Every structure is written in structure tokens, then in C-alpha cells.
C-alpha atoms as a PDB file:
ATOM      1  CA  UNK A   1      50.031 -26.746  65.612  1.00  0.00           C
ATOM      2  CA  UNK A   2      46.343 -26.419  64.903  1.00  0.00           C
ATOM      3  CA  UNK A   3      43.296 -28.413  65.859  1.00  0.00           C
ATOM      4  CA  UNK A   4      40.427 -27.389  63.641  1.00  0.00           C
ATOM      5  CA  UNK A   5      37.792 -28.966  61.453  1.00  0.00           C
ATOM      6  CA  UNK A   6      37.309 -27.745  57.921  1.00  0.00           C
ATOM      7  CA  UNK A   7      33.898 -28.390  56.388  1.00  0.00           C
ATOM      8  CA  UNK A   8      34.595 -30.551  53.360  1.00  0.00           C
ATOM      9  CA  UNK A   9      32.781 -32.532  50.711  1.00  0.00           C
ATOM     10  CA  UNK A  10      33.174 -36.272  50.647  1.00  0.00           C
ATOM     11  CA  UNK A  11      35.397 -35.969  47.580  1.00  0.00           C
ATOM     12  CA  UNK A  12      37.561 -33.211  49.068  1.00  0.00           C
ATOM     13  CA  UNK A  13      40.761 -35.179  49.297  1.00  0.00           C
ATOM     14  CA  UNK A  14      40.604 -36.216  45.655  1.00  0.00           C
ATOM     15  CA  UNK A  15      39.274 -33.022  44.137  1.00  0.00           C
ATOM     16  CA  UNK A  16      40.693 -29.942  45.806  1.00  0.00           C
ATOM     17  CA  UNK A  17      41.005 -27.841  48.915  1.00  0.00           C
ATOM     18  CA  UNK A  18      37.962 -25.610  48.743  1.00  0.00           C
ATOM     19  CA  UNK A  19      37.302 -21.929  48.099  1.00  0.00           C
ATOM     20  CA  UNK A  20      40.272 -19.592  47.737  1.00  0.00           C
ATOM     21  CA  UNK A  21      40.982 -15.913  48.097  1.00  0.00           C
ATOM     22  CA  UNK A  22      41.950 -15.540  44.449  1.00  0.00           C
ATOM     23  CA  UNK A  23      45.259 -14.194  43.191  1.00  0.00           C
ATOM     24  CA  UNK A  24      47.133 -11.938  45.623  1.00  0.00           C
ATOM     25  CA  UNK A  25      47.634  -8.265  44.995  1.00  0.00           C
ATOM     26  CA  UNK A  26      50.799  -7.324  43.076  1.00  0.00           C
ATOM     27  CA  UNK A  27      53.768  -8.882  44.831  1.00  0.00           C
ATOM     28  CA  UNK A  28      55.912  -6.469  46.807  1.00  0.00           C
ATOM     29  CA  UNK A  29      59.089  -8.525  46.934  1.00  0.00           C
ATOM     30  CA  UNK A  30      62.315  -6.572  47.324  1.00  0.00           C
ATOM     31  CA  UNK A  31      65.018  -7.500  44.786  1.00  0.00           C
ATOM     32  CA  UNK A  32      67.431  -7.548  47.733  1.00  0.00           C
ATOM     33  CA  UNK A  33      65.869 -10.827  48.882  1.00  0.00           C
ATOM     34  CA  UNK A  34      66.552 -12.577  45.555  1.00  0.00           C
ATOM     35  CA  UNK A  35      69.874 -14.215  46.552  1.00  0.00           C
ATOM     36  CA  UNK A  36      68.443 -15.567  49.820  1.00  0.00           C
ATOM     37  CA  UNK A  37      65.298 -16.758  48.058  1.00  0.00           C
ATOM     38  CA  UNK A  38      67.480 -18.584  45.553  1.00  0.00           C
ATOM     39  CA  UNK A  39      69.222 -20.346  48.432  1.00  0.00           C
ATOM     40  CA  UNK A  40      65.847 -21.198  49.964  1.00  0.00           C
ATOM     41  CA  UNK A  41      64.614 -22.670  46.672  1.00  0.00           C
ATOM     42  CA  UNK A  42      67.794 -24.715  46.444  1.00  0.00           C
ATOM     43  CA  UNK A  43      67.240 -26.010  49.983  1.00  0.00           C
ATOM     44  CA  UNK A  44      63.619 -26.907  49.210  1.00  0.00           C
ATOM     45  CA  UNK A  45      64.589 -28.852  46.102  1.00  0.00           C
ATOM     46  CA  UNK A  46      67.655 -30.645  47.410  1.00  0.00           C
ATOM     47  CA  UNK A  47      67.484 -30.523  51.199  1.00  0.00           C
ATOM     48  CA  UNK A  48      65.298 -32.025  53.899  1.00  0.00           C
ATOM     49  CA  UNK A  49      63.597 -29.785  56.495  1.00  0.00           C
ATOM     50  CA  UNK A  50      62.318 -30.668  59.948  1.00  0.00           C
ATOM     51  CA  UNK A  51      60.349 -28.515  62.420  1.00  0.00           C
ATOM     52  CA  UNK A  52      62.496 -28.305  65.535  1.00  0.00           C
ATOM     53  CA  UNK A  53      61.883 -27.344  69.128  1.00  0.00           C
ATOM     54  CA  UNK A  54      64.667 -28.190  71.594  1.00  0.00           C
ATOM     55  CA  UNK A  55      64.023 -31.205  73.799  1.00  0.00           C
ATOM     56  CA  UNK A  56      65.140 -29.202  76.841  1.00  0.00           C
ATOM     57  CA  UNK A  57      62.643 -26.372  76.232  1.00  0.00           C
ATOM     58  CA  UNK A  58      59.344 -26.947  78.021  1.00  0.00           C
ATOM     59  CA  UNK A  59      56.286 -24.849  78.815  1.00  0.00           C
ATOM     60  CA  UNK A  60      54.241 -26.121  81.774  1.00  0.00           C
ATOM     61  CA  UNK A  61      51.435 -24.048  83.312  1.00  0.00           C
ATOM     62  CA  UNK A  62      52.773 -21.047  81.460  1.00  0.00           C
ATOM     63  CA  UNK A  63      56.250 -21.426  82.971  1.00  0.00           C
ATOM     64  CA  UNK A  64      59.083 -21.763  80.467  1.00  0.00           C
ATOM     65  CA  UNK A  65      62.086 -23.983  81.052  1.00  0.00           C
ATOM     66  CA  UNK A  66      64.669 -22.569  78.612  1.00  0.00           C
ATOM     67  CA  UNK A  67      66.726 -24.697  76.286  1.00  0.00           C
ATOM     68  CA  UNK A  68      70.358 -25.219  77.185  1.00  0.00           C
ATOM     69  CA  UNK A  69      73.136 -25.152  74.637  1.00  0.00           C
ATOM     70  CA  UNK A  70      74.549 -28.590  75.415  1.00  0.00           C
ATOM     71  CA  UNK A  71      71.144 -30.201  74.879  1.00  0.00           C
ATOM     72  CA  UNK A  72      70.611 -28.228  71.665  1.00  0.00           C
ATOM     73  CA  UNK A  73      73.937 -29.478  70.349  1.00  0.00           C
ATOM     74  CA  UNK A  74      72.959 -33.054  71.195  1.00  0.00           C
ATOM     75  CA  UNK A  75      69.587 -32.578  69.460  1.00  0.00           C
ATOM     76  CA  UNK A  76      71.106 -31.120  66.323  1.00  0.00           C
ATOM     77  CA  UNK A  77      73.864 -33.710  66.217  1.00  0.00           C
ATOM     78  CA  UNK A  78      71.177 -36.403  66.002  1.00  0.00           C
ATOM     79  CA  UNK A  79      69.074 -34.509  63.451  1.00  0.00           C
ATOM     80  CA  UNK A  80      71.993 -33.680  61.164  1.00  0.00           C
ATOM     81  CA  UNK A  81      72.280 -37.348  60.252  1.00  0.00           C
ATOM     82  CA  UNK A  82      68.995 -37.124  58.299  1.00  0.00           C
ATOM     83  CA  UNK A  83      68.120 -33.418  57.972  1.00  0.00           C
ATOM     84  CA  UNK A  84      69.925 -30.330  56.715  1.00  0.00           C
ATOM     85  CA  UNK A  85      67.140 -27.760  57.128  1.00  0.00           C
ATOM     86  CA  UNK A  86      65.547 -26.511  60.354  1.00  0.00           C
ATOM     87  CA  UNK A  87      62.392 -24.539  61.121  1.00  0.00           C
ATOM     88  CA  UNK A  88      62.175 -23.187  64.657  1.00  0.00           C
ATOM     89  CA  UNK A  89      59.377 -21.657  66.734  1.00  0.00           C
ATOM     90  CA  UNK A  90      61.095 -19.307  69.168  1.00  0.00           C
ATOM     91  CA  UNK A  91      64.036 -16.909  69.044  1.00  0.00           C
ATOM     92  CA  UNK A  92      64.615 -16.578  72.808  1.00  0.00           C
ATOM     93  CA  UNK A  93      64.368 -18.934  75.832  1.00  0.00           C
ATOM     94  CA  UNK A  94      67.748 -20.433  75.038  1.00  0.00           C
ATOM     95  CA  UNK A  95      67.101 -20.921  71.330  1.00  0.00           C
ATOM     96  CA  UNK A  96      69.685 -18.286  70.439  1.00  0.00           C
ATOM     97  CA  UNK A  97      72.223 -21.107  70.529  1.00  0.00           C
ATOM     98  CA  UNK A  98      70.567 -22.822  67.551  1.00  0.00           C
ATOM     99  CA  UNK A  99      72.056 -20.699  64.706  1.00  0.00           C
ATOM    100  CA  UNK A 100      75.728 -20.972  65.737  1.00  0.00           C
ATOM    101  CA  UNK A 101      75.423 -24.686  66.513  1.00  0.00           C
ATOM    102  CA  UNK A 102      73.539 -25.349  63.261  1.00  0.00           C
ATOM    103  CA  UNK A 103      76.217 -23.461  61.344  1.00  0.00           C
ATOM    104  CA  UNK A 104      78.975 -25.495  63.006  1.00  0.00           C
ATOM    105  CA  UNK A 105      77.208 -28.734  62.070  1.00  0.00           C
ATOM    106  CA  UNK A 106      76.867 -27.647  58.426  1.00  0.00           C
ATOM    107  CA  UNK A 107      73.103 -27.377  58.229  1.00  0.00           C
ATOM    108  CA  UNK A 108      72.083 -26.038  54.853  1.00  0.00           C
ATOM    109  CA  UNK A 109      69.235 -23.729  55.885  1.00  0.00           C
ATOM    110  CA  UNK A 110      67.483 -22.347  58.956  1.00  0.00           C
ATOM    111  CA  UNK A 111      64.101 -20.622  59.065  1.00  0.00           C
ATOM    112  CA  UNK A 112      63.895 -18.760  62.366  1.00  0.00           C
ATOM    113  CA  UNK A 113      60.461 -18.702  63.972  1.00  0.00           C
ATOM    114  CA  UNK A 114      59.471 -15.708  66.093  1.00  0.00           C
ATOM    115  CA  UNK A 115      56.665 -16.877  68.358  1.00  0.00           C
ATOM    116  CA  UNK A 116      55.738 -13.385  69.526  1.00  0.00           C
ATOM    117  CA  UNK A 117      56.995 -10.678  67.145  1.00  0.00           C
ATOM    118  CA  UNK A 118      55.407  -8.030  69.399  1.00  0.00           C
ATOM    119  CA  UNK A 119      58.134  -8.912  71.913  1.00  0.00           C
ATOM    120  CA  UNK A 120      60.954  -6.579  70.899  1.00  0.00           C
ATOM    121  CA  UNK A 121      63.542  -8.751  72.644  1.00  0.00           C
ATOM    122  CA  UNK A 122      62.533 -11.848  70.689  1.00  0.00           C
ATOM    123  CA  UNK A 123      62.235  -9.959  67.419  1.00  0.00           C
ATOM    124  CA  UNK A 124      65.612  -8.337  67.990  1.00  0.00           C
ATOM    125  CA  UNK A 125      67.209 -11.714  68.689  1.00  0.00           C
ATOM    126  CA  UNK A 126      65.878 -13.125  65.413  1.00  0.00           C
ATOM    127  CA  UNK A 127      67.083 -10.091  63.451  1.00  0.00           C
ATOM    128  CA  UNK A 128      70.510 -10.353  65.054  1.00  0.00           C
ATOM    129  CA  UNK A 129      70.810 -14.045  64.145  1.00  0.00           C
ATOM    130  CA  UNK A 130      69.750 -13.368  60.547  1.00  0.00           C
ATOM    131  CA  UNK A 131      72.441 -10.722  60.255  1.00  0.00           C
ATOM    132  CA  UNK A 132      75.130 -12.878  61.879  1.00  0.00           C
ATOM    133  CA  UNK A 133      74.413 -15.978  59.796  1.00  0.00           C
ATOM    134  CA  UNK A 134      73.247 -14.730  56.374  1.00  0.00           C
ATOM    135  CA  UNK A 135      74.354 -17.878  54.543  1.00  0.00           C
ATOM    136  CA  UNK A 136      72.454 -20.127  56.958  1.00  0.00           C
ATOM    137  CA  UNK A 137      69.270 -18.173  57.709  1.00  0.00           C
ATOM    138  CA  UNK A 138      66.969 -18.687  54.727  1.00  0.00           C
ATOM    139  CA  UNK A 139      64.020 -16.820  56.213  1.00  0.00           C
ATOM    140  CA  UNK A 140      62.302 -15.470  59.297  1.00  0.00           C
ATOM    141  CA  UNK A 141      58.712 -16.420  60.198  1.00  0.00           C
ATOM    142  CA  UNK A 142      56.952 -13.638  62.106  1.00  0.00           C
ATOM    143  CA  UNK A 143      54.435 -15.392  64.303  1.00  0.00           C
ATOM    144  CA  UNK A 144      52.991 -18.861  64.605  1.00  0.00           C
ATOM    145  CA  UNK A 145      49.228 -19.099  63.945  1.00  0.00           C
ATOM    146  CA  UNK A 146      48.668 -15.537  65.151  1.00  0.00           C
ATOM    147  CA  UNK A 147      45.860 -14.853  62.673  1.00  0.00           C
ATOM    148  CA  UNK A 148      44.195 -18.168  63.475  1.00  0.00           C
ATOM    149  CA  UNK A 149      44.302 -17.470  67.218  1.00  0.00           C
ATOM    150  CA  UNK A 150      43.193 -13.838  66.715  1.00  0.00           C
ATOM    151  CA  UNK A 151      46.372 -12.470  68.308  1.00  0.00           C
ATOM    152  CA  UNK A 152      46.774 -10.102  65.365  1.00  0.00           C
ATOM    153  CA  UNK A 153      44.828  -8.980  62.290  1.00  0.00           C
ATOM    154  CA  UNK A 154      46.072  -9.102  58.665  1.00  0.00           C
ATOM    155  CA  UNK A 155      46.616  -5.335  58.416  1.00  0.00           C
ATOM    156  CA  UNK A 156      48.716  -5.192  61.581  1.00  0.00           C
ATOM    157  CA  UNK A 157      50.695  -8.257  60.532  1.00  0.00           C
ATOM    158  CA  UNK A 158      51.338  -6.650  57.161  1.00  0.00           C
ATOM    159  CA  UNK A 159      52.617  -3.509  58.858  1.00  0.00           C
ATOM    160  CA  UNK A 160      54.919  -5.597  61.034  1.00  0.00           C
ATOM    161  CA  UNK A 161      56.294  -7.427  57.997  1.00  0.00           C
ATOM    162  CA  UNK A 162      56.959  -4.121  56.239  1.00  0.00           C
ATOM    163  CA  UNK A 163      58.847  -2.828  59.289  1.00  0.00           C
ATOM    164  CA  UNK A 164      61.029  -5.925  59.525  1.00  0.00           C
ATOM    165  CA  UNK A 165      61.645  -5.907  55.779  1.00  0.00           C
ATOM    166  CA  UNK A 166      63.152  -2.459  56.228  1.00  0.00           C
ATOM    167  CA  UNK A 167      65.463  -3.815  58.935  1.00  0.00           C
ATOM    168  CA  UNK A 168      66.335  -7.055  57.081  1.00  0.00           C
ATOM    169  CA  UNK A 169      66.125  -6.183  53.380  1.00  0.00           C
ATOM    170  CA  UNK A 170      68.025  -9.259  52.279  1.00  0.00           C
ATOM    171  CA  UNK A 171      66.129 -11.840  54.348  1.00  0.00           C
ATOM    172  CA  UNK A 172      62.904 -13.518  53.084  1.00  0.00           C
ATOM    173  CA  UNK A 173      60.008 -13.021  55.498  1.00  0.00           C
ATOM    174  CA  UNK A 174      56.829 -14.969  56.076  1.00  0.00           C
ATOM    175  CA  UNK A 175      54.333 -15.905  58.783  1.00  0.00           C
ATOM    176  CA  UNK A 176      53.116 -19.363  59.692  1.00  0.00           C
ATOM    177  CA  UNK A 177      49.385 -20.152  59.547  1.00  0.00           C
ATOM    178  CA  UNK A 178      46.991 -23.052  58.914  1.00  0.00           C
ATOM    179  CA  UNK A 179      46.338 -23.302  55.192  1.00  0.00           C
ATOM    180  CA  UNK A 180      42.724 -22.136  55.335  1.00  0.00           C
ATOM    181  CA  UNK A 181      43.788 -18.734  56.691  1.00  0.00           C
ATOM    182  CA  UNK A 182      45.597 -17.993  53.442  1.00  0.00           C
ATOM    183  CA  UNK A 183      42.541 -18.992  51.424  1.00  0.00           C
ATOM    184  CA  UNK A 184      40.397 -16.256  52.951  1.00  0.00           C
ATOM    185  CA  UNK A 185      39.831 -13.015  50.985  1.00  0.00           C
ATOM    186  CA  UNK A 186      41.124 -10.963  53.925  1.00  0.00           C
ATOM    187  CA  UNK A 187      44.561 -12.524  53.414  1.00  0.00           C
ATOM    188  CA  UNK A 188      45.008 -11.335  49.830  1.00  0.00           C
ATOM    189  CA  UNK A 189      46.949  -8.135  50.622  1.00  0.00           C
ATOM    190  CA  UNK A 190      49.076  -9.959  53.200  1.00  0.00           C
ATOM    191  CA  UNK A 191      50.019 -12.661  50.689  1.00  0.00           C
ATOM    192  CA  UNK A 192      51.534  -9.982  48.461  1.00  0.00           C
ATOM    193  CA  UNK A 193      54.006  -9.109  51.232  1.00  0.00           C
ATOM    194  CA  UNK A 194      55.181 -12.628  52.033  1.00  0.00           C
ATOM    195  CA  UNK A 195      58.374 -13.728  50.298  1.00  0.00           C
ATOM    196  CA  UNK A 196      57.338 -17.366  50.739  1.00  0.00           C
ATOM    197  CA  UNK A 197      54.470 -19.286  52.331  1.00  0.00           C
ATOM    198  CA  UNK A 198      54.903 -21.375  55.462  1.00  0.00           C
ATOM    199  CA  UNK A 199      51.727 -23.381  56.041  1.00  0.00           C
ATOM    200  CA  UNK A 200      50.309 -26.045  58.344  1.00  0.00           C
ATOM    201  CA  UNK A 201      48.291 -28.839  56.728  1.00  0.00           C
ATOM    202  CA  UNK A 202      47.129 -31.520  59.170  1.00  0.00           C
ATOM    203  CA  UNK A 203      45.074 -34.403  57.787  1.00  0.00           C
ATOM    204  CA  UNK A 204      44.732 -35.662  61.378  1.00  0.00           C
ATOM    205  CA  UNK A 205      42.226 -32.910  62.147  1.00  0.00           C
ATOM    206  CA  UNK A 206      39.956 -33.673  59.204  1.00  0.00           C
ATOM    207  CA  UNK A 207      36.759 -35.599  60.019  1.00  0.00           C
ATOM    208  CA  UNK A 208      37.563 -38.368  57.552  1.00  0.00           C
ATOM    209  CA  UNK A 209      41.122 -39.023  58.755  1.00  0.00           C
ATOM    210  CA  UNK A 210      40.727 -41.955  61.148  1.00  0.00           C
ATOM    211  CA  UNK A 211      39.160 -44.329  58.634  1.00  0.00           C
ATOM    212  CA  UNK A 212      40.914 -43.049  55.505  1.00  0.00           C
ATOM    213  CA  UNK A 213      43.939 -44.707  53.910  1.00  0.00           C
ATOM    214  CA  UNK A 214      47.266 -42.941  54.252  1.00  0.00           C
ATOM    215  CA  UNK A 215      47.229 -42.273  50.514  1.00  0.00           C
ATOM    216  CA  UNK A 216      44.145 -40.083  51.005  1.00  0.00           C
ATOM    217  CA  UNK A 217      45.815 -38.130  53.800  1.00  0.00           C
ATOM    218  CA  UNK A 218      48.893 -37.533  51.658  1.00  0.00           C
ATOM    219  CA  UNK A 219      46.828 -36.506  48.652  1.00  0.00           C
ATOM    220  CA  UNK A 220      44.985 -34.019  50.850  1.00  0.00           C
ATOM    221  CA  UNK A 221      48.287 -32.220  51.476  1.00  0.00           C
ATOM    222  CA  UNK A 222      49.101 -32.231  47.757  1.00  0.00           C
ATOM    223  CA  UNK A 223      45.704 -30.785  46.884  1.00  0.00           C
ATOM    224  CA  UNK A 224      46.055 -28.016  49.456  1.00  0.00           C
ATOM    225  CA  UNK A 225      49.396 -27.000  47.962  1.00  0.00           C
ATOM    226  CA  UNK A 226      47.909 -26.974  44.481  1.00  0.00           C
ATOM    227  CA  UNK A 227      45.271 -24.535  45.731  1.00  0.00           C
ATOM    228  CA  UNK A 228      47.795 -22.311  47.498  1.00  0.00           C
ATOM    229  CA  UNK A 229      50.455 -22.122  44.788  1.00  0.00           C
ATOM    230  CA  UNK A 230      48.613 -19.534  42.637  1.00  0.00           C
ATOM    231  CA  UNK A 231      48.153 -17.327  45.719  1.00  0.00           C
ATOM    232  CA  UNK A 232      51.823 -17.224  46.652  1.00  0.00           C
ATOM    233  CA  UNK A 233      54.446 -14.685  45.633  1.00  0.00           C
ATOM    234  CA  UNK A 234      57.204 -17.202  46.306  1.00  0.00           C
ATOM    235  CA  UNK A 235      57.788 -20.861  47.131  1.00  0.00           C
ATOM    236  CA  UNK A 236      55.452 -22.795  49.433  1.00  0.00           C
ATOM    237  CA  UNK A 237      56.804 -24.904  52.287  1.00  0.00           C
ATOM    238  CA  UNK A 238      54.534 -27.033  54.440  1.00  0.00           C
ATOM    239  CA  UNK A 239      55.906 -26.435  57.917  1.00  0.00           C
ATOM    240  CA  UNK A 240      53.632 -28.865  59.753  1.00  0.00           C
ATOM    241  CA  UNK A 241      52.123 -32.044  58.446  1.00  0.00           C
ATOM    242  CA  UNK A 242      52.367 -35.550  59.753  1.00  0.00           C
ATOM    243  CA  UNK A 243      50.827 -38.214  61.932  1.00  0.00           C
ATOM    244  CA  UNK A 244      51.538 -38.781  65.640  1.00  0.00           C
ATOM    245  CA  UNK A 245      52.866 -42.213  66.541  1.00  0.00           C
ATOM    246  CA  UNK A 246      50.443 -42.678  69.484  1.00  0.00           C
ATOM    247  CA  UNK A 247      48.058 -43.311  71.169  1.00  0.00           C
ATOM    248  CA  UNK A 248      47.054 -46.628  69.678  1.00  0.00           C
ATOM    249  CA  UNK A 249      43.493 -46.108  70.941  1.00  0.00           C
ATOM    250  CA  UNK A 250      43.167 -43.358  68.304  1.00  0.00           C
ATOM    251  CA  UNK A 251      44.457 -45.576  65.519  1.00  0.00           C
ATOM    252  CA  UNK A 252      47.914 -43.982  65.665  1.00  0.00           C
ATOM    253  CA  UNK A 253      51.218 -45.830  65.546  1.00  0.00           C
ATOM    254  CA  UNK A 254      54.772 -45.639  64.315  1.00  0.00           C
ATOM    255  CA  UNK A 255      53.697 -47.721  61.336  1.00  0.00           C
ATOM    256  CA  UNK A 256      50.971 -45.275  60.340  1.00  0.00           C
ATOM    257  CA  UNK A 257      53.294 -42.306  60.821  1.00  0.00           C
ATOM    258  CA  UNK A 258      55.894 -43.886  58.546  1.00  0.00           C
ATOM    259  CA  UNK A 259      53.286 -44.935  55.998  1.00  0.00           C
ATOM    260  CA  UNK A 260      51.938 -41.379  55.732  1.00  0.00           C
ATOM    261  CA  UNK A 261      55.380 -39.954  55.022  1.00  0.00           C
ATOM    262  CA  UNK A 262      56.063 -42.723  52.508  1.00  0.00           C
ATOM    263  CA  UNK A 263      52.911 -41.775  50.619  1.00  0.00           C
ATOM    264  CA  UNK A 264      53.675 -38.055  50.865  1.00  0.00           C
ATOM    265  CA  UNK A 265      57.210 -38.459  49.505  1.00  0.00           C
ATOM    266  CA  UNK A 266      55.783 -40.298  46.523  1.00  0.00           C
ATOM    267  CA  UNK A 267      53.097 -37.687  45.802  1.00  0.00           C
ATOM    268  CA  UNK A 268      55.029 -34.546  46.717  1.00  0.00           C
ATOM    269  CA  UNK A 269      58.631 -34.794  45.535  1.00  0.00           C
ATOM    270  CA  UNK A 270      60.452 -31.580  46.455  1.00  0.00           C
ATOM    271  CA  UNK A 271      60.997 -28.827  43.890  1.00  0.00           C
ATOM    272  CA  UNK A 272      62.309 -25.248  44.151  1.00  0.00           C
ATOM    273  CA  UNK A 273      58.661 -24.104  44.317  1.00  0.00           C
ATOM    274  CA  UNK A 274      57.166 -26.471  46.872  1.00  0.00           C
ATOM    275  CA  UNK A 275      58.207 -28.955  49.521  1.00  0.00           C
ATOM    276  CA  UNK A 276      57.237 -30.214  52.962  1.00  0.00           C
ATOM    277  CA  UNK A 277      59.019 -30.321  56.287  1.00  0.00           C
ATOM    278  CA  UNK A 278      58.808 -33.265  58.648  1.00  0.00           C
ATOM    279  CA  UNK A 279      56.831 -32.493  61.791  1.00  0.00           C
ATOM    280  CA  UNK A 280      58.250 -32.664  64.284  1.00  0.00           C
ATOM    281  CA  UNK A 281      61.806 -33.488  65.264  1.00  0.00           C
ATOM    282  CA  UNK A 282      61.225 -34.858  68.777  1.00  0.00           C
ATOM    283  CA  UNK A 283      58.379 -35.995  70.985  1.00  0.00           C
ATOM    284  CA  UNK A 284      57.456 -33.503  73.697  1.00  0.00           C
ATOM    285  CA  UNK A 285      55.520 -35.189  76.535  1.00  0.00           C
ATOM    286  CA  UNK A 286      54.584 -31.845  78.113  1.00  0.00           C
ATOM    287  CA  UNK A 287      52.586 -30.850  75.050  1.00  0.00           C
ATOM    288  CA  UNK A 288      49.797 -33.284  75.944  1.00  0.00           C
ATOM    289  CA  UNK A 289      48.866 -30.854  78.725  1.00  0.00           C
ATOM    290  CA  UNK A 290      49.537 -27.630  76.836  1.00  0.00           C
ATOM    291  CA  UNK A 291      46.418 -25.701  75.799  1.00  0.00           C
ATOM    292  CA  UNK A 292      48.408 -23.715  73.240  1.00  0.00           C
ATOM    293  CA  UNK A 293      49.402 -26.943  71.500  1.00  0.00           C
ATOM    294  CA  UNK A 294      45.807 -27.562  70.484  1.00  0.00           C
ATOM    295  CA  UNK A 295      44.003 -24.226  70.088  1.00  0.00           C
ATOM    296  CA  UNK A 296      40.292 -24.647  69.545  1.00  0.00           C
ATOM    297  CA  UNK A 297      40.242 -28.096  71.095  1.00  0.00           C
ATOM    298  CA  UNK A 298      38.071 -29.095  74.009  1.00  0.00           C
ATOM    299  CA  UNK A 299      39.784 -28.604  77.386  1.00  0.00           C
ATOM    300  CA  UNK A 300      41.660 -31.565  78.762  1.00  0.00           C
ATOM    301  CA  UNK A 301      44.588 -33.804  77.973  1.00  0.00           C
ATOM    302  CA  UNK A 302      45.444 -34.430  74.304  1.00  0.00           C
ATOM    303  CA  UNK A 303      47.903 -37.338  74.344  1.00  0.00           C
ATOM    304  CA  UNK A 304      48.504 -37.310  70.584  1.00  0.00           C
ATOM    305  CA  UNK A 305      50.178 -33.893  70.933  1.00  0.00           C
ATOM    306  CA  UNK A 306      53.059 -35.545  72.783  1.00  0.00           C
ATOM    307  CA  UNK A 307      53.927 -37.923  69.919  1.00  0.00           C
ATOM    308  CA  UNK A 308      54.488 -35.901  66.734  1.00  0.00           C
ATOM    309  CA  UNK A 309      58.239 -36.536  66.750  1.00  0.00           C
ATOM    310  CA  UNK A 310      60.175 -38.616  64.269  1.00  0.00           C
ATOM    311  CA  UNK A 311      62.395 -39.224  67.290  1.00  0.00           C
ATOM    312  CA  UNK A 312      61.187 -39.922  70.797  1.00  0.00           C
ATOM    313  CA  UNK A 313      61.963 -37.683  73.767  1.00  0.00           C
ATOM    314  CA  UNK A 314      65.216 -39.610  74.334  1.00  0.00           C
ATOM    315  CA  UNK A 315      66.302 -38.825  70.748  1.00  0.00           C
ATOM    316  CA  UNK A 316      65.816 -42.390  69.555  1.00  0.00           C
ATOM    317  CA  UNK A 317      64.627 -42.623  65.920  1.00  0.00           C
ATOM    318  CA  UNK A 318      61.197 -44.004  65.206  1.00  0.00           C
ATOM    319  CA  UNK A 319      60.360 -46.021  62.091  1.00  0.00           C
ATOM    320  CA  UNK A 320      59.616 -42.878  60.042  1.00  0.00           C
ATOM    321  CA  UNK A 321      63.094 -41.522  60.750  1.00  0.00           C
ATOM    322  CA  UNK A 322      64.830 -44.845  60.183  1.00  0.00           C
ATOM    323  CA  UNK A 323      63.316 -45.024  56.709  1.00  0.00           C
ATOM    324  CA  UNK A 324      65.031 -41.767  55.686  1.00  0.00           C
ATOM    325  CA  UNK A 325      68.432 -42.276  54.098  1.00  0.00           C
ATOM    326  CA  UNK A 326      71.272 -40.482  55.882  1.00  0.00           C
ATOM    327  CA  UNK A 327      72.581 -37.208  54.457  1.00  0.00           C
ATOM    328  CA  UNK A 328      76.226 -36.494  53.766  1.00  0.00           C
ATOM    329  CA  UNK A 329      77.731 -33.703  55.849  1.00  0.00           C
ATOM    330  CA  UNK A 330      80.127 -31.396  53.981  1.00  0.00           C
ATOM    331  CA  UNK A 331      83.701 -31.525  55.255  1.00  0.00           C
ATOM    332  CA  UNK A 332      85.012 -28.638  57.392  1.00  0.00           C
ATOM    333  CA  UNK A 333      85.660 -25.472  55.453  1.00  0.00           C
ATOM    334  CA  UNK A 334      82.947 -26.055  52.848  1.00  0.00           C
END
């Protein structure tokens, strides 16, 4: 997730998302990805995605507590009632149990996140899962905000994507970045290599957010997607957008979280070309103290980072989740 301030005009939310990179270079999509992209488009139009990190996985002072399979199954059992698409952040630290459990619970689609694609073990784990579950894995995201955090440059990321495309010719590939990264001219060549866009669009971090109505925050997301669509070589999925449910001192509540999603559903009905994921599945109290959770922010505790979930840390649904109608689960064998 990203904490940044974009310089905007007062009319930004109603008019548009600002300067863009222009159309990407000629798209380099491999025809081999067409069947998987068709499944992804179907999931965007008719499914419901949520960004998921296991409740048992924690990172405190740089020390990782891995996820355990029993907890993952409990997480996904709760989520499957209202979601059939998952977007993950990590392919190791116990998250290798996610694909087989998701498949057993009849999730429609999984986008596997690779936090550090320079880690050959993590990259290899993601590739292995994509090969083992080709009907479930709708894409692999190589990196989370790596360009934004200057952990890689566009040319190197493009080379990495080309290498993985050669290893997974039938799997759509992308990388996850804040929306403004894709609007920069330096991203043009990279955009041509991405089979779909996975973007973060957080109204919370805009200077007007606190006093703006939820309709303005939702329209901001819609306007950003309208700006990005001409740049993309494939569908656009908003991986992160939402409103934390606390602290109240910052004007945040379950009611405001639910209201934002209500407005966004009205303004951004899903299609095969664009959709949004709910962010995030569960609260993570440890994230309030995690510097990586809020790159670019002033040092210190950021309590809002602990409350992005549609479910609390005990897997209890908040108002935003309760307002989502349940999804039917296909019977065994289908």
C-alpha cells in the first residue's frame, strides 16, 4: 500500500487524473496468454476480488512469522462466502498453501503476488503454482510497488517480465504499482509488456479526502481508471482502494468504509475491461508499526494501516462485508 500525495487541482476528482504517459508502445502480448486472459476478463466481469494476506502471516521488526495452512484454510473459508477471486502479495512464507486450498474451495481466480521477484525461491514458487493450477491462476504480479520504492527501474523490470514470460507463456503477467507510476513517460515501454494492469488508487492519501464526500472519493477512482485505460494493453484491475474503518479521530469508521464501497459499486460496475478488488480481506494490527506498509510516510505509528480489512483480525465481518450479497459456491466436481 502507498502513502503519497499527488499534486492536484481543486477540480481533480470531477475532471480527470492528471498528465499521462500517452499510448504505450506496440503491445507485446503472446497469443499463448489469450485463453488465460479470457478467463481473467470473465472473472473481472462476473466475480468479486479481494486482496488477501493470511491472518497468521506477520512481519514485525523485519522478522516474518509464516502463515500456517490451517489458518489459511480458515481465512479462505470465511472469504469464499462473499469472494471468488484472490490477489496475494507473497509466494513463500507459508503462502504456498493458498493455491491448493483456494482450488479446493472453488475460487474462480487467483492472481499470485511475488513480493520480491529477485528472490529465485519466491519466483520459482509462484511459477510452480501457476503451472500446477492453470485453471485457477489468472495471473502473476511481479513485485509490489517496486518502481515506486526505487527497488527496480522500468528497464530491469521489463527484462524480468520478458524472462518470466518465456517460462510461463500461457500465464498473464503484470506488476503492481500506484497509478501515477504508470502515467509517467518512463513507463510507456513497460506498459507494452504487461498483459493487464494491477494498480493502487487510494483516495485516503489525497489532500482533499478527509472533508470530501464518499462520492468524490469513489469518482476519483473512476477518473483514474479512465485515464489509465488507453495506456493498457489489457484489462485494468484496481488491486488496492478502500477506506480503513478506524481510527475515529481521523474521521474513519465502518460506516465510512461501507459508504465508500457503496458509491464505488454504483460508479464502477465491473466489466471484462475494468474492475476493482476490495482492499483488504482482514485487519492486520501489526501493520500499524510496519514502515513498509506506509512508504514515504513520516516515521512513527500509523494506526489506520491496521484497519483496512473488510473483516477484523478475528475474521468477523464489518459492515462493508455484510452489505455484500453471498456468492454461490459450485458443487464438487464443477
